Amino acid sequence: MRLVSTVYSKGPDERDHAQLLKNRDKARVALWHKEGIAAIDPKEINDDWIKQMVINIATEQYGARKNGEG
């Protein structure tokens, strides 16, 4: 007897993730154009020096991240 629906065994819906990323990117663009604020994820920066610079500036401005990243 199976107690869990087969829907859950398929894993997360990739369409939901794609839509989430699309919405996030739209919000970033709007934030930049309306407020002049850049929302940058260090994980998306390929250059190690620039990535560390962004992390250092954010840490100086806002404090260290609680989850230990960056």
C-alpha atoms as a PDB file:
ATOM      1  CA  MET A   1       0.000   0.000   0.000  1.00  0.00           C
ATOM      2  CA  ARG A   2       1.368   3.394  -1.027  1.00  0.00           C
ATOM      3  CA  LEU A   3       0.754   6.321   1.325  1.00  0.00           C
ATOM      4  CA  VAL A   4       2.474   9.056  -0.697  1.00  0.00           C
ATOM      5  CA  SER A   5       1.128  10.375  -3.956  1.00  0.00           C
ATOM      6  CA  THR A   6       3.262   9.682  -7.032  1.00  0.00           C
ATOM      7  CA  VAL A   7       3.221  13.444  -7.688  1.00  0.00           C
ATOM      8  CA  TYR A   8       5.764  13.924  -4.884  1.00  0.00           C
ATOM      9  CA  SER A   9       8.106  11.264  -6.183  1.00  0.00           C
ATOM     10  CA  LYS A  10       8.673  13.268  -9.387  1.00  0.00           C
ATOM     11  CA  GLY A  11      10.616  15.987  -7.576  1.00  0.00           C
ATOM     12  CA  PRO A  12      10.289  19.738  -7.941  1.00  0.00           C
ATOM     13  CA  ASP A  13       8.680  21.140 -11.045  1.00  0.00           C
ATOM     14  CA  GLU A  14      11.384  22.803 -13.165  1.00  0.00           C
ATOM     15  CA  ARG A  15       8.795  25.224 -14.551  1.00  0.00           C
ATOM     16  CA  ASP A  16       8.227  26.609 -11.050  1.00  0.00           C
ATOM     17  CA  HIS A  17      11.965  27.138 -10.597  1.00  0.00           C
ATOM     18  CA  ALA A  18      12.303  28.803 -14.009  1.00  0.00           C
ATOM     19  CA  GLN A  19       9.412  31.137 -13.202  1.00  0.00           C
ATOM     20  CA  LEU A  20      10.952  31.970  -9.832  1.00  0.00           C
ATOM     21  CA  LEU A  21      14.257  32.912 -11.504  1.00  0.00           C
ATOM     22  CA  LYS A  22      12.434  34.968 -14.134  1.00  0.00           C
ATOM     23  CA  ASN A  23      10.493  36.856 -11.441  1.00  0.00           C
ATOM     24  CA  ARG A  24      13.674  37.423  -9.436  1.00  0.00           C
ATOM     25  CA  ASP A  25      15.450  38.844 -12.464  1.00  0.00           C
ATOM     26  CA  LYS A  26      12.515  41.154 -13.247  1.00  0.00           C
ATOM     27  CA  ALA A  27      12.553  42.404  -9.659  1.00  0.00           C
ATOM     28  CA  ARG A  28      16.304  43.063  -9.880  1.00  0.00           C
ATOM     29  CA  VAL A  29      15.882  45.069 -13.086  1.00  0.00           C
ATOM     30  CA  ALA A  30      13.020  47.102 -11.617  1.00  0.00           C
ATOM     31  CA  LEU A  31      14.986  47.769  -8.433  1.00  0.00           C
ATOM     32  CA  TRP A  32      17.940  49.020 -10.458  1.00  0.00           C
ATOM     33  CA  HIS A  33      15.888  51.270 -12.756  1.00  0.00           C
ATOM     34  CA  LYS A  34      13.553  52.668 -10.103  1.00  0.00           C
ATOM     35  CA  GLU A  35      15.832  52.964  -7.072  1.00  0.00           C
ATOM     36  CA  GLY A  36      19.389  52.701  -8.405  1.00  0.00           C
ATOM     37  CA  ILE A  37      19.969  49.630  -6.229  1.00  0.00           C
ATOM     38  CA  ALA A  38      21.860  46.668  -7.673  1.00  0.00           C
ATOM     39  CA  ALA A  39      20.927  43.258  -6.276  1.00  0.00           C
ATOM     40  CA  ILE A  40      23.894  41.030  -7.057  1.00  0.00           C
ATOM     41  CA  ASP A  41      24.259  37.380  -6.063  1.00  0.00           C
ATOM     42  CA  PRO A  42      27.966  36.671  -5.494  1.00  0.00           C
ATOM     43  CA  LYS A  43      27.416  33.121  -6.755  1.00  0.00           C
ATOM     44  CA  GLU A  44      26.686  34.598 -10.194  1.00  0.00           C
ATOM     45  CA  ILE A  45      30.026  36.447 -10.396  1.00  0.00           C
ATOM     46  CA  ASN A  46      32.750  34.461 -12.144  1.00  0.00           C
ATOM     47  CA  ASP A  47      35.699  36.737 -11.389  1.00  0.00           C
ATOM     48  CA  ASP A  48      37.018  35.884  -7.902  1.00  0.00           C
ATOM     49  CA  TRP A  49      38.376  39.393  -7.255  1.00  0.00           C
ATOM     50  CA  ILE A  50      35.111  41.107  -8.156  1.00  0.00           C
ATOM     51  CA  LYS A  51      33.104  38.528  -6.208  1.00  0.00           C
ATOM     52  CA  GLN A  52      35.182  39.166  -3.083  1.00  0.00           C
ATOM     53  CA  MET A  53      34.885  42.920  -3.577  1.00  0.00           C
ATOM     54  CA  VAL A  54      31.075  42.680  -3.704  1.00  0.00           C
ATOM     55  CA  ILE A  55      31.063  40.478  -0.587  1.00  0.00           C
ATOM     56  CA  ASN A  56      33.380  42.889   1.244  1.00  0.00           C
ATOM     57  CA  ILE A  57      31.262  45.935   0.384  1.00  0.00           C
ATOM     58  CA  ALA A  58      28.022  44.205   1.385  1.00  0.00           C
ATOM     59  CA  THR A  59      29.556  42.955   4.639  1.00  0.00           C
ATOM     60  CA  GLU A  60      30.844  46.432   5.461  1.00  0.00           C
ATOM     61  CA  GLN A  61      27.469  48.023   4.701  1.00  0.00           C
ATOM     62  CA  TYR A  62      25.117  45.422   6.180  1.00  0.00           C
ATOM     63  CA  GLY A  63      27.176  43.128   8.407  1.00  0.00           C
ATOM     64  CA  ALA A  64      28.194  39.499   8.015  1.00  0.00           C
ATOM     65  CA  ARG A  65      25.637  37.059   6.670  1.00  0.00           C
ATOM     66  CA  LYS A  66      24.060  34.813   9.277  1.00  0.00           C
ATOM     67  CA  ASN A  67      24.312  31.655   7.163  1.00  0.00           C
ATOM     68  CA  GLY A  68      28.087  31.956   6.907  1.00  0.00           C
ATOM     69  CA  GLU A  69      28.194  32.411   3.133  1.00  0.00           C
ATOM     70  CA  GLY A  70      30.143  35.278   1.735  1.00  0.00           C
END
